[in-house]
Structures are given as C-alpha cells and as structure tokens.
N, C-alpha and C. Protein backbone atom coordinates (compact mmCIF):
# COMPACT_ATOMS: atom_id res chain seq x y z
N UNK A 1 0.84 -1.37 0.02
CA UNK A 1 0.01 0.08 0.01
C UNK A 1 0.86 1.19 -0.06
N UNK A 2 0.37 2.20 -0.67
CA UNK A 2 1.18 3.39 -0.73
C UNK A 2 0.99 4.22 0.46
N UNK A 3 1.78 5.18 0.82
CA UNK A 3 1.81 6.02 1.97
C UNK A 3 0.54 6.88 2.06
N UNK A 4 0.01 7.25 0.82
CA UNK A 4 -1.30 8.00 0.85
C UNK A 4 -2.35 7.22 1.20
N UNK A 5 -2.44 5.99 0.84
CA UNK A 5 -3.54 5.02 1.12
C UNK A 5 -3.56 4.62 2.65
N UNK A 6 -2.33 4.47 3.19
CA UNK A 6 -2.09 4.15 4.52
C UNK A 6 -2.64 5.22 5.44
N UNK A 7 -2.45 6.44 5.05
CA UNK A 7 -2.81 7.66 5.86
C UNK A 7 -4.37 7.79 5.72
N UNK A 8 -5.02 7.61 4.47
CA UNK A 8 -6.40 7.65 4.35
C UNK A 8 -7.12 6.46 5.02
N UNK A 9 -6.47 5.14 5.11
CA UNK A 9 -7.07 4.18 5.87
C UNK A 9 -7.10 4.42 7.42
N UNK A 10 -5.99 5.09 7.93
CA UNK A 10 -6.07 5.33 9.36
C UNK A 10 -7.04 6.41 9.58
N UNK A 11 -7.18 7.46 8.85
CA UNK A 11 -8.06 8.63 9.01
C UNK A 11 -9.59 7.90 8.95
N UNK A 12 -9.82 6.98 8.03
CA UNK A 12 -11.19 6.41 8.01
C UNK A 12 -11.39 5.57 9.25
N UNK A 13 -10.50 4.92 9.76
CA UNK A 13 -10.57 4.11 11.03
C UNK A 13 -10.96 5.13 12.08
N UNK A 14 -10.24 6.12 12.20
CA UNK A 14 -10.34 7.06 13.27
C UNK A 14 -11.78 7.61 13.16
N UNK A 15 -12.12 8.00 12.14
CA UNK A 15 -13.64 8.67 11.90
C UNK A 15 -14.55 7.65 12.19
N UNK A 16 -14.44 6.45 11.82
CA UNK A 16 -15.30 5.39 12.25
C UNK A 16 -15.54 5.21 13.75
N UNK A 17 -14.48 5.09 14.40
CA UNK A 17 -14.41 5.08 15.88
C UNK A 17 -15.14 6.22 16.39
N UNK A 18 -14.74 7.34 15.94
CA UNK A 18 -15.56 8.54 16.36
C UNK A 18 -17.06 8.53 16.30
N UNK A 19 -17.44 7.93 15.02
CA UNK A 19 -18.80 7.93 14.71
C UNK A 19 -19.52 6.93 15.71
N UNK A 20 -18.95 5.89 15.79
CA UNK A 20 -19.42 4.85 16.71
C UNK A 20 -19.57 5.36 18.21
N UNK A 21 -18.53 6.10 18.73
CA UNK A 21 -18.49 6.65 20.02
C UNK A 21 -19.79 7.74 20.04
N UNK A 22 -19.95 8.52 19.05
CA UNK A 22 -21.01 9.54 19.02
C UNK A 22 -22.39 8.69 19.21
N UNK A 23 -22.47 7.71 18.38
CA UNK A 23 -23.80 6.99 18.46
C UNK A 23 -24.11 6.32 19.87
N UNK A 24 -23.10 5.76 20.43
CA UNK A 24 -23.09 5.18 21.73
C UNK A 24 -23.54 6.19 22.81
N UNK A 25 -22.99 7.43 22.60
CA UNK A 25 -23.22 8.40 23.60
C UNK A 25 -24.65 8.75 23.44
N UNK A 26 -25.21 8.99 22.24
CA UNK A 26 -26.56 9.21 21.93
C UNK A 26 -27.55 8.24 22.61
N UNK A 27 -27.23 6.99 22.47
CA UNK A 27 -28.02 5.92 22.98
C UNK A 27 -28.09 5.91 24.57
N UNK A 28 -26.79 6.12 25.07
CA UNK A 28 -26.97 6.29 26.61
C UNK A 28 -27.80 7.56 27.09
N UNK A 29 -27.51 8.60 26.39
CA UNK A 29 -28.44 9.79 26.76
C UNK A 29 -29.93 9.49 26.74
N UNK A 30 -30.36 8.96 25.58
CA UNK A 30 -31.70 8.51 25.45
C UNK A 30 -32.24 7.70 26.52
N UNK A 31 -31.54 6.66 26.98
CA UNK A 31 -31.84 5.75 28.12
C UNK A 31 -31.89 6.59 29.38
N UNK A 32 -30.96 7.39 29.53
CA UNK A 32 -30.96 8.27 30.73
C UNK A 32 -32.23 9.10 30.78
N UNK A 33 -32.62 9.70 29.84
CA UNK A 33 -33.95 10.53 29.72
C UNK A 33 -35.08 9.64 30.03
N UNK A 34 -35.22 8.51 29.48
CA UNK A 34 -36.32 7.57 29.75
C UNK A 34 -36.43 7.28 31.22
N UNK A 35 -35.30 6.99 31.68
CA UNK A 35 -35.21 6.58 33.09
C UNK A 35 -35.51 7.71 34.11
N UNK A 36 -34.94 8.96 33.75
CA UNK A 36 -35.15 10.17 34.60
C UNK A 36 -36.71 10.49 34.45
N UNK A 37 -37.34 10.38 33.44
CA UNK A 37 -38.84 10.60 33.41
C UNK A 37 -39.53 9.70 34.26
N UNK A 38 -39.17 8.30 34.22
CA UNK A 38 -39.90 7.35 35.10
C UNK A 38 -39.55 7.47 36.59
N UNK A 39 -38.29 7.76 36.88
CA UNK A 39 -37.95 7.89 38.18
C UNK A 39 -38.51 9.27 38.82
N UNK A 40 -38.45 10.24 38.27
CA UNK A 40 -38.79 11.59 38.87
C UNK A 40 -40.38 11.81 38.67
N UNK A 41 -40.98 11.53 37.60
CA UNK A 41 -42.37 11.80 37.45
C UNK A 41 -43.25 10.63 38.00
N UNK A 42 -42.65 9.33 38.07
CA UNK A 42 -43.67 8.37 38.68
C UNK A 42 -43.06 7.92 40.14
N UNK A 43 -41.96 7.43 40.04
CA UNK A 43 -41.46 6.74 41.47
C UNK A 43 -41.39 7.88 42.65
N UNK A 44 -40.79 8.96 42.32
CA UNK A 44 -40.79 10.09 43.31
C UNK A 44 -42.15 10.41 43.68
N UNK A 45 -42.97 10.60 42.75
CA UNK A 45 -44.40 11.08 42.98
C UNK A 45 -45.14 9.99 43.76
N UNK A 46 -44.88 8.65 43.46
CA UNK A 46 -45.66 7.70 44.28
C UNK A 46 -45.21 7.78 45.78
N UNK A 47 -43.85 8.02 46.04
CA UNK A 47 -43.37 8.31 47.35
C UNK A 47 -44.17 9.41 48.01
N UNK A 48 -44.26 10.63 47.25
CA UNK A 48 -45.01 11.76 47.67
C UNK A 48 -46.54 11.38 48.01
N UNK A 49 -47.14 10.65 47.08
CA UNK A 49 -48.45 10.37 47.19
C UNK A 49 -48.60 9.57 48.70
N UNK A 50 -47.68 8.54 48.93
CA UNK A 50 -47.94 7.90 50.17
C UNK A 50 -47.78 8.90 51.43
N UNK A 51 -46.92 9.89 51.34
CA UNK A 51 -46.78 10.86 52.36
C UNK A 51 -48.16 11.60 52.54
N UNK A 52 -48.59 11.98 51.29
CA UNK A 52 -49.84 12.82 51.30
C UNK A 52 -51.11 12.19 51.83
N UNK A 53 -51.05 10.80 51.50
CA UNK A 53 -52.25 10.12 52.09
C UNK A 53 -52.08 9.93 53.73
N UNK A 54 -50.75 9.68 54.12
CA UNK A 54 -50.61 9.56 55.49
C UNK A 54 -50.97 10.86 56.27
N UNK A 55 -50.59 12.04 55.64
CA UNK A 55 -50.88 13.38 56.18
C UNK A 55 -52.33 13.44 56.12
N UNK A 56 -53.15 13.12 55.29
CA UNK A 56 -54.63 13.39 55.12
C UNK A 56 -55.44 12.38 56.26
N UNK A 57 -54.68 11.29 56.38
CA UNK A 57 -55.17 10.48 57.41
C UNK A 57 -55.19 11.17 58.86
N UNK A 58 -53.91 11.66 59.16
CA UNK A 58 -53.70 12.34 60.37
C UNK A 58 -54.47 13.65 60.50
N UNK A 59 -54.87 14.22 59.34
CA UNK A 59 -55.71 15.57 59.41
C UNK A 59 -57.09 15.22 59.08
N UNK A 60 -57.52 13.95 59.32
CA UNK A 60 -59.08 13.51 59.00
C UNK A 60 -59.51 14.05 57.61
N UNK A 61 -58.66 13.82 56.63
CA UNK A 61 -58.90 14.05 55.19
C UNK A 61 -59.49 15.56 55.13
N UNK A 62 -58.83 16.51 55.62
CA UNK A 62 -59.23 17.95 55.56
C UNK A 62 -59.06 18.48 54.14
N UNK A 63 -58.06 17.82 53.35
CA UNK A 63 -57.64 18.46 52.02
C UNK A 63 -57.39 17.26 51.08
N UNK A 64 -58.43 16.50 50.83
CA UNK A 64 -58.27 15.27 49.90
C UNK A 64 -57.74 15.59 48.63
N UNK A 65 -57.84 16.86 48.01
CA UNK A 65 -57.46 17.15 46.76
C UNK A 65 -56.07 17.11 46.44
N UNK A 66 -55.28 17.15 47.69
CA UNK A 66 -53.82 17.04 47.55
C UNK A 66 -53.50 15.64 46.99
N UNK A 67 -54.22 14.71 47.52
CA UNK A 67 -53.96 13.20 47.22
C UNK A 67 -54.58 13.03 45.65
N UNK A 68 -55.61 13.45 45.30
CA UNK A 68 -56.14 13.21 44.00
C UNK A 68 -55.49 13.94 42.96
N UNK A 69 -54.92 15.19 43.35
CA UNK A 69 -54.10 15.84 42.35
C UNK A 69 -52.69 15.18 42.13
N UNK A 70 -52.07 14.67 43.14
CA UNK A 70 -50.87 14.04 43.12
C UNK A 70 -50.93 12.67 42.34
N UNK A 71 -52.23 12.05 42.48
CA UNK A 71 -52.32 10.81 41.75
C UNK A 71 -52.55 11.14 40.18
N UNK A 72 -53.13 12.37 39.83
CA UNK A 72 -53.08 12.72 38.56
C UNK A 72 -51.76 13.06 37.89
N UNK A 73 -50.90 13.56 38.77
CA UNK A 73 -49.47 13.82 38.37
C UNK A 73 -48.89 12.49 38.02
N UNK A 74 -49.17 11.46 38.84
CA UNK A 74 -48.54 10.18 38.64
C UNK A 74 -49.04 9.58 37.19
N UNK A 75 -50.40 9.65 37.06
CA UNK A 75 -50.82 9.12 35.88
C UNK A 75 -50.34 9.71 34.71
N UNK A 76 -50.11 11.12 34.78
CA UNK A 76 -49.50 11.71 33.65
C UNK A 76 -48.01 11.38 33.31
N UNK A 77 -47.28 11.18 34.56
CA UNK A 77 -45.95 10.87 34.60
C UNK A 77 -45.77 9.46 33.84
N UNK A 78 -46.64 8.48 34.13
CA UNK A 78 -46.57 7.14 33.53
C UNK A 78 -46.96 7.32 32.17
N UNK A 79 -47.96 8.09 31.64
CA UNK A 79 -48.21 8.23 30.23
C UNK A 79 -46.92 8.88 29.50
N UNK A 80 -46.35 9.92 30.07
CA UNK A 80 -45.15 10.55 29.50
C UNK A 80 -44.01 9.54 29.29
N UNK A 81 -43.74 8.82 30.56
CA UNK A 81 -42.75 7.81 30.45
C UNK A 81 -42.91 6.75 29.22
N UNK A 82 -44.17 6.27 29.14
CA UNK A 82 -44.56 5.18 28.05
C UNK A 82 -44.29 5.95 26.72
N UNK A 83 -44.86 7.14 26.63
CA UNK A 83 -44.74 7.87 25.32
C UNK A 83 -43.33 8.17 24.96
N UNK A 84 -42.51 8.65 25.86
CA UNK A 84 -41.01 8.95 25.67
C UNK A 84 -40.33 7.64 25.27
N UNK A 85 -40.49 6.62 26.21
CA UNK A 85 -39.84 5.41 25.80
C UNK A 85 -40.25 4.69 24.49
N UNK A 86 -41.57 4.88 24.03
CA UNK A 86 -41.83 4.41 22.74
C UNK A 86 -41.29 5.25 21.60
N UNK A 87 -41.28 6.65 21.82
CA UNK A 87 -40.72 7.43 20.75
C UNK A 87 -39.27 7.30 20.44
N UNK A 88 -38.57 7.03 21.81
CA UNK A 88 -37.04 6.87 21.44
C UNK A 88 -36.72 5.35 21.39
N UNK A 89 -37.65 4.54 21.36
CA UNK A 89 -37.52 3.11 21.19
C UNK A 89 -36.66 2.37 22.30
N UNK A 90 -36.79 2.96 23.58
CA UNK A 90 -35.96 2.35 24.68
C UNK A 90 -36.74 1.73 25.68
N UNK A 91 -38.08 1.52 25.42
CA UNK A 91 -38.89 1.04 26.43
C UNK A 91 -39.13 -0.56 25.99
N UNK A 92 -38.72 -1.55 26.83
CA UNK A 92 -38.90 -2.99 26.56
C UNK A 92 -40.45 -3.26 26.44
N UNK A 93 -40.84 -4.39 25.95
CA UNK A 93 -42.23 -4.83 25.80
C UNK A 93 -42.62 -5.19 27.21
N UNK A 94 -41.84 -5.66 28.12
CA UNK A 94 -42.10 -6.05 29.45
C UNK A 94 -42.22 -4.82 30.32
N UNK A 95 -41.43 -3.76 30.32
CA UNK A 95 -41.64 -2.51 30.85
C UNK A 95 -42.85 -1.86 30.49
N UNK A 96 -43.26 -1.91 29.16
CA UNK A 96 -44.37 -1.14 28.58
C UNK A 96 -45.63 -1.87 29.33
N UNK A 97 -45.74 -3.14 29.30
CA UNK A 97 -46.81 -3.90 29.90
C UNK A 97 -46.98 -3.67 31.41
N UNK A 98 -45.88 -3.45 32.03
CA UNK A 98 -45.97 -3.22 33.54
C UNK A 98 -46.49 -1.84 33.79
N UNK A 99 -45.92 -0.79 32.98
CA UNK A 99 -46.49 0.55 33.08
C UNK A 99 -47.91 0.55 32.68
N UNK A 100 -48.37 -0.11 31.57
CA UNK A 100 -49.85 -0.03 31.28
C UNK A 100 -50.56 -0.58 32.35
N UNK A 101 -50.34 -1.66 32.98
CA UNK A 101 -51.08 -2.19 34.13
C UNK A 101 -51.06 -1.22 35.20
N UNK A 102 -50.00 -0.74 35.42
CA UNK A 102 -49.87 0.16 36.76
C UNK A 102 -50.91 1.49 36.37
N UNK A 103 -50.83 2.01 35.15
CA UNK A 103 -51.73 3.23 34.68
C UNK A 103 -53.21 2.82 34.95
N UNK A 104 -53.45 1.54 34.48
CA UNK A 104 -54.89 1.02 34.61
C UNK A 104 -55.20 0.90 35.93
N UNK A 105 -54.44 0.28 36.88
CA UNK A 105 -54.79 0.13 38.27
C UNK A 105 -55.02 1.44 39.08
N UNK A 106 -54.13 2.37 38.75
CA UNK A 106 -54.20 3.69 39.49
C UNK A 106 -55.15 4.50 38.86
N UNK A 107 -55.75 4.30 37.79
CA UNK A 107 -56.80 5.02 37.18
C UNK A 107 -57.93 4.77 37.67
N UNK A 108 -58.13 3.61 38.45
CA UNK A 108 -59.38 3.23 39.04
C UNK A 108 -59.73 4.27 40.20
N UNK A 109 -58.62 4.77 40.82
CA UNK A 109 -58.80 5.68 41.88
C UNK A 109 -59.35 7.22 41.38
N UNK A 110 -60.18 7.85 42.16
CA UNK A 110 -60.71 9.16 41.72
C UNK A 110 -59.61 10.17 41.54
N UNK A 111 -59.53 10.86 40.47
CA UNK A 111 -58.72 12.07 40.28
C UNK A 111 -59.34 13.26 39.94
N UNK A 112 -58.71 14.43 40.09
CA UNK A 112 -59.36 15.73 39.69
C UNK A 112 -59.39 16.00 38.19
N UNK A 113 -60.57 16.67 37.85
CA UNK A 113 -60.72 17.16 36.49
C UNK A 113 -60.02 18.51 36.57
N UNK A 114 -59.96 18.97 35.24
CA UNK A 114 -59.42 20.40 35.06
C UNK A 114 -60.64 21.34 35.65
N UNK A 115 -60.08 22.14 36.54
CA UNK A 115 -60.78 23.22 37.26
C UNK A 115 -61.94 22.62 38.17
N UNK A 116 -61.89 21.31 38.52
CA UNK A 116 -62.76 20.83 39.56
C UNK A 116 -62.11 19.80 40.35
N UNK A 117 -62.43 19.83 41.68
CA UNK A 117 -62.00 18.83 42.42
C UNK A 117 -62.93 17.66 42.77
N UNK A 118 -62.45 16.36 42.79
CA UNK A 118 -63.51 15.38 43.09
C UNK A 118 -63.85 15.25 44.50
N UNK A 119 -65.03 14.90 44.90
CA UNK A 119 -65.44 14.65 46.15
C UNK A 119 -65.14 13.13 46.71
N UNK A 120 -64.49 12.82 47.61
CA UNK A 120 -64.11 11.40 48.05
C UNK A 120 -65.23 10.87 48.83
N UNK A 121 -65.55 9.84 48.58
CA UNK A 121 -66.64 9.03 49.54
C UNK A 121 -65.85 8.25 50.62
N UNK A 122 -66.31 7.79 51.65
CA UNK A 122 -65.69 7.19 52.60
C UNK A 122 -64.96 5.90 52.09
N UNK A 123 -65.56 5.18 51.11
CA UNK A 123 -64.86 4.10 50.47
C UNK A 123 -63.76 4.46 49.73
N UNK A 124 -63.90 5.70 48.97
CA UNK A 124 -62.66 6.19 48.35
C UNK A 124 -61.43 6.40 49.20
N UNK A 125 -61.79 6.97 50.46
CA UNK A 125 -60.76 7.32 51.31
C UNK A 125 -60.15 5.91 51.88
N UNK A 126 -61.02 4.98 52.18
CA UNK A 126 -60.40 3.67 52.69
C UNK A 126 -59.55 2.97 51.51
N UNK A 127 -59.92 3.16 50.33
CA UNK A 127 -59.10 2.55 49.25
C UNK A 127 -57.83 3.29 49.12
N UNK A 128 -57.78 4.60 49.29
CA UNK A 128 -56.48 5.23 49.37
C UNK A 128 -55.66 4.86 50.44
N UNK A 129 -56.19 4.66 51.53
CA UNK A 129 -55.53 4.22 52.77
C UNK A 129 -55.00 2.94 52.55
N UNK A 130 -55.57 1.93 51.74
CA UNK A 130 -55.18 0.60 51.36
C UNK A 130 -54.02 0.89 50.42
N UNK A 131 -54.09 1.77 49.47
CA UNK A 131 -53.00 2.11 48.53
C UNK A 131 -51.78 2.66 49.27
N UNK A 132 -51.96 3.32 50.25
CA UNK A 132 -50.84 3.80 51.18
C UNK A 132 -50.04 2.61 51.72
N UNK A 133 -50.81 1.70 52.25
CA UNK A 133 -50.14 0.47 52.75
C UNK A 133 -49.39 -0.22 51.70
N UNK A 134 -50.07 -0.50 50.76
CA UNK A 134 -49.49 -1.14 49.53
C UNK A 134 -48.22 -0.46 49.10
N UNK A 135 -48.26 0.80 48.86
CA UNK A 135 -47.03 1.42 48.42
C UNK A 135 -45.93 1.30 49.52
N UNK A 136 -46.20 1.29 50.73
CA UNK A 136 -45.12 1.14 51.67
C UNK A 136 -44.54 -0.38 51.64
N UNK A 137 -45.54 -1.24 51.40
CA UNK A 137 -44.98 -2.71 51.46
C UNK A 137 -44.18 -2.91 50.24
N UNK A 138 -44.29 -2.26 49.12
CA UNK A 138 -43.38 -2.35 47.99
C UNK A 138 -42.17 -1.51 48.08
N UNK A 139 -42.07 -0.71 49.02
CA UNK A 139 -40.90 0.16 49.30
C UNK A 139 -41.01 1.53 48.64
N UNK A 140 -42.20 2.07 48.42
CA UNK A 140 -42.47 3.35 47.91
C UNK A 140 -43.15 4.11 49.08
N UNK A 141 -42.45 4.70 50.06
CA UNK A 141 -42.84 5.63 50.95
C UNK A 141 -42.00 6.50 51.53
N UNK A 142 -42.45 7.53 52.30
CA UNK A 142 -41.58 8.48 52.90
C UNK A 142 -40.68 7.69 54.01
N UNK A 143 -39.49 8.12 54.17
CA UNK A 143 -38.56 7.60 55.15
C UNK A 143 -38.21 6.13 54.81
N UNK A 144 -38.41 5.66 53.66
CA UNK A 144 -37.98 4.30 53.17
C UNK A 144 -36.74 4.69 52.03
N UNK A 145 -35.60 4.06 52.21
CA UNK A 145 -34.74 4.32 51.20
C UNK A 145 -35.06 3.65 49.76
N UNK A 146 -35.18 4.42 48.90
CA UNK A 146 -35.44 3.95 47.56
C UNK A 146 -34.22 4.12 46.66
N UNK A 147 -34.24 3.18 45.63
CA UNK A 147 -33.08 3.20 44.56
C UNK A 147 -33.69 3.95 43.25
N UNK A 148 -32.89 4.74 42.95
CA UNK A 148 -33.26 5.59 41.81
C UNK A 148 -32.70 4.90 40.41
N UNK A 149 -32.95 3.50 40.57
CA UNK A 149 -32.42 2.62 39.47
C UNK A 149 -33.66 2.18 38.76
N UNK A 150 -33.62 2.15 37.42
CA UNK A 150 -34.83 1.66 36.61
C UNK A 150 -35.22 0.23 36.83
N UNK A 151 -34.33 -0.50 37.07
CA UNK A 151 -34.63 -1.94 37.17
C UNK A 151 -35.38 -2.12 38.56
N UNK A 152 -34.84 -1.49 39.48
CA UNK A 152 -35.63 -1.46 40.87
C UNK A 152 -37.00 -0.92 40.87
N UNK A 153 -37.15 0.21 40.32
CA UNK A 153 -38.51 0.81 40.07
C UNK A 153 -39.35 -0.16 39.43
N UNK A 154 -38.93 -0.75 38.22
CA UNK A 154 -39.86 -1.70 37.48
C UNK A 154 -40.35 -2.73 38.36
N UNK A 155 -39.39 -3.33 39.24
CA UNK A 155 -39.67 -4.37 40.01
C UNK A 155 -40.87 -3.88 41.13
N UNK A 156 -40.56 -2.63 41.57
CA UNK A 156 -41.59 -2.16 42.64
C UNK A 156 -42.92 -1.97 41.80
N UNK A 157 -42.86 -1.53 40.69
CA UNK A 157 -44.23 -1.22 39.97
C UNK A 157 -44.79 -2.60 39.60
N UNK A 158 -44.17 -3.54 39.34
CA UNK A 158 -44.72 -5.06 39.08
C UNK A 158 -45.38 -5.40 40.43
N UNK A 159 -44.66 -5.28 41.48
CA UNK A 159 -45.13 -5.66 42.80
C UNK A 159 -46.44 -4.83 43.09
N UNK A 160 -46.45 -3.72 42.68
CA UNK A 160 -47.76 -2.78 43.07
C UNK A 160 -48.76 -3.16 42.28
N UNK A 161 -48.49 -3.57 41.00
CA UNK A 161 -49.62 -4.17 40.10
C UNK A 161 -50.29 -5.38 40.78
N UNK A 162 -49.47 -6.26 41.36
CA UNK A 162 -50.03 -7.50 41.89
C UNK A 162 -50.66 -7.38 43.13
N UNK A 163 -50.28 -6.09 43.79
CA UNK A 163 -51.00 -6.03 45.17
C UNK A 163 -52.24 -5.09 45.08
N UNK A 164 -52.40 -4.30 44.15
CA UNK A 164 -53.42 -3.26 44.18
C UNK A 164 -54.76 -4.09 43.84
N UNK A 165 -55.81 -3.98 44.54
CA UNK A 165 -57.00 -4.71 44.42
C UNK A 165 -57.83 -3.87 43.32
N UNK A 166 -58.44 -4.56 42.33
CA UNK A 166 -59.38 -3.88 41.43
C UNK A 166 -60.62 -3.65 42.22
N UNK A 167 -61.07 -2.39 41.95
CA UNK A 167 -62.32 -2.08 42.64
C UNK A 167 -63.24 -1.27 41.61
C-alpha cells in the first residue's frame, strides 16, 4: 500500500471510531432521559403520594384534593414515560406492559378534573388508605430508602400491580 492509502485508511478508521462513540453516547443519553422521566415523574411522585395520604389520614382528610391531584400527576408521568420510551425506542415490551397495568390500576382511583376537585366518599378514602399501605409494602414511601434505579423501580411497579386490588 502506498503512503497516501495508509494515511487515508488510518483517517477512515479514526472517523469510524468517532462515529461509533457518538452513536453510543446518544443511546446512553436517550436511556438516561427515559429513566429520569420514570424515576422523577412516577417513582418520586408515588413516594410523595404515600406521604400525602398519611398526612390526610392524620388530618382527618381535611384536604383530599392534595391526594387526588398528586395521583393525576402520577398518571401523567406514567403516560409521559410510556410515550417517551416508545418514541425513542428504549422501552422494553415487558416494561411497557408493567406501566400499562400500573396506569390502569391507578386510574381506578378518583382524580381531579381540570378546574374541579373530586369529592371523595368514605370508600374512596379507605381505598386510598389501602393504597398507602401497599405503597409502603413495595418500598415506595416516605422515610424508606428507595433506589433511583430503573430495574428496581420496574420491580416495585410490578409488585404494586400484583397487590393493588381492582375495585
């Protein structure tokens, strides 16, 4: 091979390595975005929901719209996580199914509508109290150490799906 070809060959290899590194970095960033959406918009909000329910129990349900509003935020977060994961192609079939089931189970509870708060019945309050216990059982509660790891969260979501009663 001539000197010119050797130089071009080395430049070509260098550019290919650079291209592969850029693509790998992009994939890593997309996975990070999906995980951050689910961890911050769903996992953290589930922990806050547990705390809000406990607070409402202590306050004799004086402000139940705090709970129903937070539940609406969680449902929006699940939807956003599924949509984001689908759009960037990083959500596995199993994770998608877990999130769909979780959305369906949590959607059974009353949530607020735009510009109007829902009135909770005594049965609704009892169901939220049961949800609080369930959240704590799967490790999603205040003063419980949670892992901000996607696999850990999906395991908790799967457990939550199994334990939430349909009503």
